[in-house]
Amino acid sequence: MLGFSDLPGAQEVLEARLRRLHRIALLSIAVVGTITVLGGIALERTTGWVQHTREMLRMVRELQARLFEHESVALQGGPIVPQPEAESVIPAASPPLAVDLLAVIDTMQALTSDNPQQHRRVETIADAVVNWNGAMRGIVLGESNREALEAKRVLQLRIAEFQDEEQRLYDARTANARGLRFAVLASILVALAIIWYVLTRFVRSTVREAHVARDAIRARDRTAERLGVITDISPNAFAIVGVDDRLVLANAAWRALEHFDAPDAQWMSRLDPALGDVLRLLLEQVRTTHETRREELIDPSAMTEVAGQSVKRVWMVTAYRVARGADLDGSICLMLQDVTSLRAMEHQMRQSQRLEAIGRLAGGVAHDFNNTLTAIIGFTDMALAEARERGRLREDLQQARRAADRAALLTRQLLSFSRQPVLQPRVYGLGDIVRNLELMIRRLIGSHIQVEVRIAPDTGSVEADAGRIEQLVLNLIINARDAMEYGGELTVEMNNASTADLQAAHDRGDLPASALRERFALIRVRDTGSGMTPEVRRQIFEPFFTTKPVGQGTGLGLSTALQVVREANGYIGVQTAPGVGTVFEVYLPLVEAEAVPVEATPVLNSPQRRSGTVLVVEDDRDVRQLTEYVLSEAGYSVHVAKNGLDAIEVLRRRGDEIDLIITDLVMPGLGGVDLSRHELVTTWGIRVLFLTGYGMNSSLRMAVLPFDAHVLTKPFSPSQLLDAVAETDPDLIRL
């Protein structure tokens, strides 16, 4: 079987065989023609001899007939025909012959003139005829018959001898002619058989090799077609540039790049000059150095969309020289790989790394700020408990308390951004959560915007963190307020999503097809503000993205809203257009469990008296003082320590008196977890309540804390602290 590399040699061999076949055919024709011509000549000559002999026999028979006629005339006494005056071959002294006998003898002598033996035999017959003629004249003149009879006997003898000899020649020549004819025919047939055999073997071998070559060519064509398919399905543009700068080969991606219809030398002029100049320089460098070159360049004429943004296409160009192969020696292979998405992902990776660093910083800031807020909220609540029911002081304290709540909301956003959300998921009635926010919503929006809140009575329950849902709704409302600087209408709708709502959201791409079989609660926030352009719409959920002037927005509102929705396994969509307004739709999965009542933020009025000994371990002075103050006011005996090592000293002295340890989770030196595992704590069986200003997601809780650990997140109010203490150790409550 021929390989692909043998195809050129196979074609040459096939062409040589065809030329040899042509020569063999010509030689065969020449051989058969020569045999035919020579055989024809020999056969024609042999046939002439046979005809000559046949004619001599006929002349002898005619001579006999003439002699019989003359003899009959002479015996009947008739006159003898005189000899003509014309010159004859008969001697002059001989008796005159009749004209017809003389003509026959002359003809016989003429026919045998080229054969001396036959000619002598004819002359002998002629002499016998002359003698017979003279004897016949003597009979007519009455002479003796004896001489006539002798002359007749001699003549008959000569004629018989001549006939026998001519018959023998006739038979021999006829046999020779027949044998020659058979030999010529046999020679032609043998030559044709030999030629047929040779040509058959030659043609068969040629056809066999032609089939092999054809199969190899078909296999090569199939391989070439497959390679063409492989190169065409490649997303990378690939081309081969010949030594004359003509485009020898280009795949589909390259042809689509600049709509190349046919290989030519003008392909570079159709490219953008910036791209064409770089490619021309690469070609020259590779031809000069014979080294593979790679360059990254930007094609200003091609734009592509990455993550919803239209950017210039970035190419990674690879050029290398073809050392050998077919007729491509010295050609240059060019491959253009679109690395726009890769560079965009690298940019996003760097951006995410920066955001991660910012998130860690934000988490640390939120932790410290939560400590401060804990003190602010705690002391404010304590002051409110002591303030009169009415009065300016109480109003001021309440305003400070609301400001602290807004600050706590901001820290929640920071912790959410830093991937440290403080989650307390429970089953809540979605309508109850929004009803508790309605008063705050109206205060946040302002009088220049008309607000309408519609909550369907049958709105179902969702499993989520109530604070996170409040944060979600408030962020969407604040975003709508900022879009209506000069007033407008804001509508907050809440109900169970209908099939039509789900299908419409799916058609817009906000819901996957799998979600159409589920049940959702729908929160719809609609405003008549300025709306958003498609470019802004694609970026609204990115962290720190904002269209507000510097200093007027953090860019975390909608990104936090998206994260809250994802935490609740929900979906969010937006419909907007410039000058029309914006509609946000949030789909949260419905649950069948019984909802927990949503309570307003409690204020410490007259705490229930309690008893027990508590060790407070907190590195922040304000939080430590607040905790000590709230617990002391509630009736507990309190010991304080500023870190874990100090707490160990207290436990060594008074461990048998301690009923509960309230410790910060993260502290310098010995942290809260290590403290809870100390042998003094485990020996005395002291329960522990952890405080933290960081996020407490489930993975961290499983990896660090015991499964039944009690955690109170900062900032917290005095009543929340007391409730957490009671929940951690119910035995501390004394009625």
Foldseek 3Di string as FASTA:
>chain_A
DDAPVCLVVLVVVLVVLVVVLVVLVVVLVVVLVVLVVVLVVVLVVLVVLLVLLVVLLVLLVVLVVVVVVLLVCLVVLHDFAFADPDDAPDDPPFHGHHPVNRVSLVVQCVSCVVPVVSNVLSVQLVVLVSQLVVLSVCVSVPHDNPSNVVSVVSNVVSSVVSNVVSVVSNVVSVVVSVVSVVVSVVSSVVSVVVSCVVSVVSVVVSVVSVVVSVVNVVVVVVVVVVVLVVQQPDCKWKWKAAPLRWTPDTHNNVCVVQVDDDIGNCVLVSADVVVSVVVVVLLVVCLVPQDKDWDKDWRPVDWDAELRDIDTWIWIKIKGADCDDDPRHGMIMIITDTCVNVVVVVVVVVVVVVLLVVLVVLQVVLQVVLLVLLLLQAVLLVVLLVDDPDDPVNVVSVVSNVVSVVVNLVSQLSQVSNVFHAWDWDKAQLVLLVVVCVVVLDVVQDDQEAEEEAEDPPRFIATTGSSLSNLLVVLVSNVQSVQCVRYWYKYKYKHKDDLVNVVVCVVVVFDPPVCSPFTWIKIKIWIQGQWDDSSCVSCLLPFQDDPDDPPPDRSRSNVSSCSRLVVQVKTKDKDTDGRGTIMIMITGGGDDDDHDRDDDADRDHPAAAWEAEEEEEAQDPSSQVSVVVLCVSNHYHYHYHNHLVRVVVVCVVQVLRHQEYEAEQDDPDDGPLNSCVDPSCVVNVHWYEYEGSHHDDPVNCVVGPDPPHHYDYGSGYSVVVVVSVCVRPVVRGDD
